[in-house]
Amino acid sequence: MNGGFTIRRATLEDAGAIAEVLRSVEYFTNLSELPFGECCQRVAQHLQDCLSDDSHSVYVALDEHQRVVGYISVHWLPYLFLPGPEGYISELFVHAWARGQGAGSQLLTEVKREAEARGCHRLSLINIRKRESYRRGFYRKDGWIEREDAANFVYTFERD
């Protein structure tokens, strides 16, 4: 265990613990307003999709009591214009009480290791500027560079 955390691949059995992490972030009202059982079910369904093939990797960070304190999800994308695939980190969340102790950094290190083994050209992610991790420079401190020449756009589908 490095830095007090064990990093391992997520399993479907981690869905409830991941749901707890997401609800603790207090950023996702769509999840925090759901009954916990429904939230777990939704996370389990998405986690199953991620684990069904080799195009995604999900890792969890465990504390000394084997509790999931955070997780990271990465999508491996083959871009035709790059010399190798890109790993897109779509999610990196750590329980508020476990932040600043190294779990997030260890999760990033594991993804970097896998990216190198896969022959990736680069990793990318989006960090919302109003999030604590952006304000404290979490990614910059780890060597990430903010792209100033790109804008991030989203198109949202309205669902019932």
C-alpha atoms as a PDB file:
ATOM      1  CA  MET A   1       0.000   0.000   0.000  1.00  0.00           C
ATOM      2  CA  ASN A   2       1.549   3.317  -1.104  1.00  0.00           C
ATOM      3  CA  GLY A   3       0.637   6.491   0.766  1.00  0.00           C
ATOM      4  CA  GLY A   4      -1.941   4.697   2.877  1.00  0.00           C
ATOM      5  CA  PHE A   5      -4.165   3.548  -0.004  1.00  0.00           C
ATOM      6  CA  THR A   6      -4.458   0.401  -2.060  1.00  0.00           C
ATOM      7  CA  ILE A   7      -5.443   0.897  -5.687  1.00  0.00           C
ATOM      8  CA  ARG A   8      -7.223  -1.922  -7.505  1.00  0.00           C
ATOM      9  CA  ARG A   9      -9.590  -2.422 -10.412  1.00  0.00           C
ATOM     10  CA  ALA A  10     -13.216  -1.837  -9.529  1.00  0.00           C
ATOM     11  CA  THR A  11     -15.672  -4.708  -9.494  1.00  0.00           C
ATOM     12  CA  LEU A  12     -19.446  -4.672  -9.710  1.00  0.00           C
ATOM     13  CA  GLU A  13     -19.489  -5.233  -5.947  1.00  0.00           C
ATOM     14  CA  ASP A  14     -18.010  -1.732  -5.547  1.00  0.00           C
ATOM     15  CA  ALA A  15     -21.124  -0.033  -6.982  1.00  0.00           C
ATOM     16  CA  GLY A  16     -22.595   0.847  -3.573  1.00  0.00           C
ATOM     17  CA  ALA A  17     -19.324   2.291  -2.300  1.00  0.00           C
ATOM     18  CA  ILE A  18     -18.873   4.299  -5.503  1.00  0.00           C
ATOM     19  CA  ALA A  19     -22.446   5.589  -5.118  1.00  0.00           C
ATOM     20  CA  GLU A  20     -21.525   6.728  -1.591  1.00  0.00           C
ATOM     21  CA  VAL A  21     -18.486   8.581  -2.957  1.00  0.00           C
ATOM     22  CA  LEU A  22     -20.615  10.303  -5.614  1.00  0.00           C
ATOM     23  CA  ARG A  23     -23.269  11.323  -3.110  1.00  0.00           C
ATOM     24  CA  SER A  24     -20.600  12.698  -0.768  1.00  0.00           C
ATOM     25  CA  VAL A  25     -19.348  15.045  -3.483  1.00  0.00           C
ATOM     26  CA  GLU A  26     -22.613  17.049  -3.167  1.00  0.00           C
ATOM     27  CA  TYR A  27     -22.295  18.145  -6.771  1.00  0.00           C
ATOM     28  CA  PHE A  28     -24.671  15.686  -8.392  1.00  0.00           C
ATOM     29  CA  THR A  29     -28.192  16.554  -7.268  1.00  0.00           C
ATOM     30  CA  ASN A  30     -29.610  13.968  -9.665  1.00  0.00           C
ATOM     31  CA  LEU A  31     -27.943  11.261  -7.551  1.00  0.00           C
ATOM     32  CA  SER A  32     -28.347  12.775  -4.100  1.00  0.00           C
ATOM     33  CA  GLU A  33     -32.102  13.183  -4.633  1.00  0.00           C
ATOM     34  CA  LEU A  34     -32.559   9.509  -5.504  1.00  0.00           C
ATOM     35  CA  PRO A  35     -33.221   6.927  -2.806  1.00  0.00           C
ATOM     36  CA  PHE A  36     -29.863   5.291  -2.045  1.00  0.00           C
ATOM     37  CA  GLY A  37     -30.943   1.924  -3.480  1.00  0.00           C
ATOM     38  CA  GLU A  38     -31.845   3.520  -6.821  1.00  0.00           C
ATOM     39  CA  CYS A  39     -28.580   5.438  -6.846  1.00  0.00           C
ATOM     40  CA  CYS A  40     -26.650   2.175  -6.285  1.00  0.00           C
ATOM     41  CA  GLN A  41     -28.621   0.479  -9.033  1.00  0.00           C
ATOM     42  CA  ARG A  42     -27.853   3.278 -11.500  1.00  0.00           C
ATOM     43  CA  VAL A  43     -24.155   3.237 -10.634  1.00  0.00           C
ATOM     44  CA  ALA A  44     -24.086  -0.573 -10.915  1.00  0.00           C
ATOM     45  CA  GLN A  45     -25.660  -0.437 -14.383  1.00  0.00           C
ATOM     46  CA  HIS A  46     -23.101   2.097 -15.638  1.00  0.00           C
ATOM     47  CA  LEU A  47     -20.241   0.258 -13.928  1.00  0.00           C
ATOM     48  CA  GLN A  48     -21.322  -2.982 -15.615  1.00  0.00           C
ATOM     49  CA  ASP A  49     -21.159  -1.200 -18.994  1.00  0.00           C
ATOM     50  CA  CYS A  50     -17.654   0.043 -18.194  1.00  0.00           C
ATOM     51  CA  LEU A  51     -16.465  -3.398 -17.116  1.00  0.00           C
ATOM     52  CA  SER A  52     -17.983  -5.233 -20.097  1.00  0.00           C
ATOM     53  CA  ASP A  53     -15.051  -4.648 -22.460  1.00  0.00           C
ATOM     54  CA  ASP A  54     -11.524  -3.269 -22.645  1.00  0.00           C
ATOM     55  CA  SER A  55     -12.509   0.268 -23.693  1.00  0.00           C
ATOM     56  CA  HIS A  56     -12.837   1.498 -20.085  1.00  0.00           C
ATOM     57  CA  SER A  57     -10.941   1.079 -16.851  1.00  0.00           C
ATOM     58  CA  VAL A  58     -12.260   1.870 -13.405  1.00  0.00           C
ATOM     59  CA  TYR A  59     -10.064   1.806 -10.308  1.00  0.00           C
ATOM     60  CA  VAL A  60     -10.912   2.303  -6.650  1.00  0.00           C
ATOM     61  CA  ALA A  61      -8.750   3.558  -3.783  1.00  0.00           C
ATOM     62  CA  LEU A  62      -9.105   1.629  -0.520  1.00  0.00           C
ATOM     63  CA  ASP A  63      -8.056   2.888   2.893  1.00  0.00           C
ATOM     64  CA  GLU A  64      -6.441   0.755   5.583  1.00  0.00           C
ATOM     65  CA  HIS A  65      -9.909  -0.550   6.566  1.00  0.00           C
ATOM     66  CA  GLN A  66     -10.565  -1.645   2.945  1.00  0.00           C
ATOM     67  CA  ARG A  67     -13.198   1.092   2.494  1.00  0.00           C
ATOM     68  CA  VAL A  68     -13.533   2.669  -0.951  1.00  0.00           C
ATOM     69  CA  VAL A  69     -12.542   6.316  -0.494  1.00  0.00           C
ATOM     70  CA  GLY A  70     -12.417   7.282  -4.171  1.00  0.00           C
ATOM     71  CA  TYR A  71     -12.424   6.075  -7.733  1.00  0.00           C
ATOM     72  CA  ILE A  72     -11.307   6.959 -11.249  1.00  0.00           C
ATOM     73  CA  SER A  73     -12.842   6.056 -14.594  1.00  0.00           C
ATOM     74  CA  VAL A  74     -10.958   6.304 -17.880  1.00  0.00           C
ATOM     75  CA  HIS A  75     -12.103   5.690 -21.455  1.00  0.00           C
ATOM     76  CA  TRP A  76      -9.525   4.510 -23.983  1.00  0.00           C
ATOM     77  CA  LEU A  77     -10.200   6.336 -27.252  1.00  0.00           C
ATOM     78  CA  PRO A  78      -8.538   5.529 -30.590  1.00  0.00           C
ATOM     79  CA  TYR A  79      -8.156   8.842 -32.402  1.00  0.00           C
ATOM     80  CA  LEU A  80      -7.314   8.516 -36.070  1.00  0.00           C
ATOM     81  CA  PHE A  81      -5.174  11.691 -36.028  1.00  0.00           C
ATOM     82  CA  LEU A  82      -2.958  10.768 -33.053  1.00  0.00           C
ATOM     83  CA  PRO A  83       0.002   8.387 -33.093  1.00  0.00           C
ATOM     84  CA  GLY A  84      -1.599   6.410 -30.242  1.00  0.00           C
ATOM     85  CA  PRO A  85      -4.847   6.273 -28.294  1.00  0.00           C
ATOM     86  CA  GLU A  86      -5.937   8.871 -25.765  1.00  0.00           C
ATOM     87  CA  GLY A  87      -7.105   8.044 -22.285  1.00  0.00           C
ATOM     88  CA  TYR A  88      -9.983  10.314 -21.294  1.00  0.00           C
ATOM     89  CA  ILE A  89     -10.450  10.497 -17.534  1.00  0.00           C
ATOM     90  CA  SER A  90     -14.151  11.146 -17.159  1.00  0.00           C
ATOM     91  CA  GLU A  91     -14.395  10.755 -13.383  1.00  0.00           C
ATOM     92  CA  LEU A  92     -12.068  11.151 -10.426  1.00  0.00           C
ATOM     93  CA  PHE A  93     -13.818  11.610  -7.111  1.00  0.00           C
ATOM     94  CA  VAL A  94     -12.661  11.174  -3.529  1.00  0.00           C
ATOM     95  CA  HIS A  95     -14.731  11.357  -0.340  1.00  0.00           C
ATOM     96  CA  ALA A  96     -14.433  14.833   1.176  1.00  0.00           C
ATOM     97  CA  TRP A  97     -12.965  13.408   4.408  1.00  0.00           C
ATOM     98  CA  ALA A  98     -10.224  11.596   2.444  1.00  0.00           C
ATOM     99  CA  ARG A  99      -9.090  14.475   0.201  1.00  0.00           C
ATOM    100  CA  GLY A 100      -5.557  15.752   0.449  1.00  0.00           C
ATOM    101  CA  GLN A 101      -4.230  12.383   1.664  1.00  0.00           C
ATOM    102  CA  GLY A 102      -2.997  11.035  -1.686  1.00  0.00           C
ATOM    103  CA  ALA A 103      -5.838   8.832  -2.926  1.00  0.00           C
ATOM    104  CA  GLY A 104      -6.514  10.983  -6.003  1.00  0.00           C
ATOM    105  CA  SER A 105      -2.821  11.171  -6.875  1.00  0.00           C
ATOM    106  CA  GLN A 106      -2.440   7.413  -6.529  1.00  0.00           C
ATOM    107  CA  LEU A 107      -5.467   6.833  -8.766  1.00  0.00           C
ATOM    108  CA  LEU A 108      -3.946   9.134 -11.407  1.00  0.00           C
ATOM    109  CA  THR A 109      -0.618   7.307 -11.153  1.00  0.00           C
ATOM    110  CA  GLU A 110      -2.333   3.974 -11.805  1.00  0.00           C
ATOM    111  CA  VAL A 111      -4.097   5.354 -14.881  1.00  0.00           C
ATOM    112  CA  LYS A 112      -0.816   6.806 -16.161  1.00  0.00           C
ATOM    113  CA  ARG A 113       0.790   3.387 -15.734  1.00  0.00           C
ATOM    114  CA  GLU A 114      -1.974   1.708 -17.716  1.00  0.00           C
ATOM    115  CA  ALA A 115      -1.879   4.434 -20.387  1.00  0.00           C
ATOM    116  CA  GLU A 116       1.830   3.852 -20.909  1.00  0.00           C
ATOM    117  CA  ALA A 117       1.284   0.088 -21.123  1.00  0.00           C
ATOM    118  CA  ARG A 118      -1.424   0.677 -23.758  1.00  0.00           C
ATOM    119  CA  GLY A 119       0.885   2.906 -25.815  1.00  0.00           C
ATOM    120  CA  CYS A 120      -1.256   6.007 -25.313  1.00  0.00           C
ATOM    121  CA  HIS A 121      -0.188   9.299 -26.808  1.00  0.00           C
ATOM    122  CA  ARG A 122      -1.849  11.363 -24.076  1.00  0.00           C
ATOM    123  CA  LEU A 123      -4.364  11.537 -21.258  1.00  0.00           C
ATOM    124  CA  SER A 124      -7.029  14.219 -21.016  1.00  0.00           C
ATOM    125  CA  LEU A 125      -9.676  15.320 -18.552  1.00  0.00           C
ATOM    126  CA  ILE A 126     -12.000  18.185 -17.774  1.00  0.00           C
ATOM    127  CA  ASN A 127     -11.824  19.963 -14.429  1.00  0.00           C
ATOM    128  CA  ILE A 128     -14.691  22.335 -13.689  1.00  0.00           C
ATOM    129  CA  ARG A 129     -13.171  25.656 -12.637  1.00  0.00           C
ATOM    130  CA  LYS A 130     -15.448  26.146  -9.647  1.00  0.00           C
ATOM    131  CA  ARG A 131     -14.499  22.752  -8.185  1.00  0.00           C
ATOM    132  CA  GLU A 132     -12.141  22.639  -5.203  1.00  0.00           C
ATOM    133  CA  SER A 133      -9.625  20.519  -7.132  1.00  0.00           C
ATOM    134  CA  TYR A 134      -9.284  23.253  -9.774  1.00  0.00           C
ATOM    135  CA  ARG A 135      -8.982  26.065  -7.240  1.00  0.00           C
ATOM    136  CA  ARG A 136      -6.211  24.285  -5.335  1.00  0.00           C
ATOM    137  CA  GLY A 137      -4.354  23.321  -8.534  1.00  0.00           C
ATOM    138  CA  PHE A 138      -4.596  19.557  -8.008  1.00  0.00           C
ATOM    139  CA  TYR A 139      -3.897  18.647 -11.646  1.00  0.00           C
ATOM    140  CA  ARG A 140      -1.347  21.405 -12.301  1.00  0.00           C
ATOM    141  CA  LYS A 141       0.694  20.176  -9.333  1.00  0.00           C
ATOM    142  CA  ASP A 142       0.718  16.730 -10.945  1.00  0.00           C
ATOM    143  CA  GLY A 143       2.100  18.075 -14.240  1.00  0.00           C
ATOM    144  CA  TRP A 144      -1.140  18.498 -16.184  1.00  0.00           C
ATOM    145  CA  ILE A 145      -1.366  21.476 -18.549  1.00  0.00           C
ATOM    146  CA  GLU A 146      -4.583  23.442 -19.003  1.00  0.00           C
ATOM    147  CA  ARG A 147      -5.344  23.870 -22.684  1.00  0.00           C
ATOM    148  CA  GLU A 148      -5.979  27.529 -23.321  1.00  0.00           C
ATOM    149  CA  ASP A 149      -6.696  27.056 -27.028  1.00  0.00           C
ATOM    150  CA  ALA A 150      -9.700  24.773 -26.592  1.00  0.00           C
ATOM    151  CA  ALA A 151     -13.250  25.249 -25.376  1.00  0.00           C
ATOM    152  CA  ASN A 152     -15.278  22.430 -23.906  1.00  0.00           C
ATOM    153  CA  PHE A 153     -18.794  22.203 -25.319  1.00  0.00           C
ATOM    154  CA  VAL A 154     -21.603  19.913 -24.245  1.00  0.00           C
ATOM    155  CA  TYR A 155     -24.916  19.070 -25.826  1.00  0.00           C
ATOM    156  CA  THR A 156     -27.494  17.864 -23.335  1.00  0.00           C
ATOM    157  CA  PHE A 157     -30.443  15.671 -24.295  1.00  0.00           C
ATOM    158  CA  GLU A 158     -33.627  16.371 -22.398  1.00  0.00           C
ATOM    159  CA  ARG A 159     -34.925  13.246 -20.656  1.00  0.00           C
ATOM    160  CA  ASP A 160     -38.038  12.617 -18.621  1.00  0.00           C
END
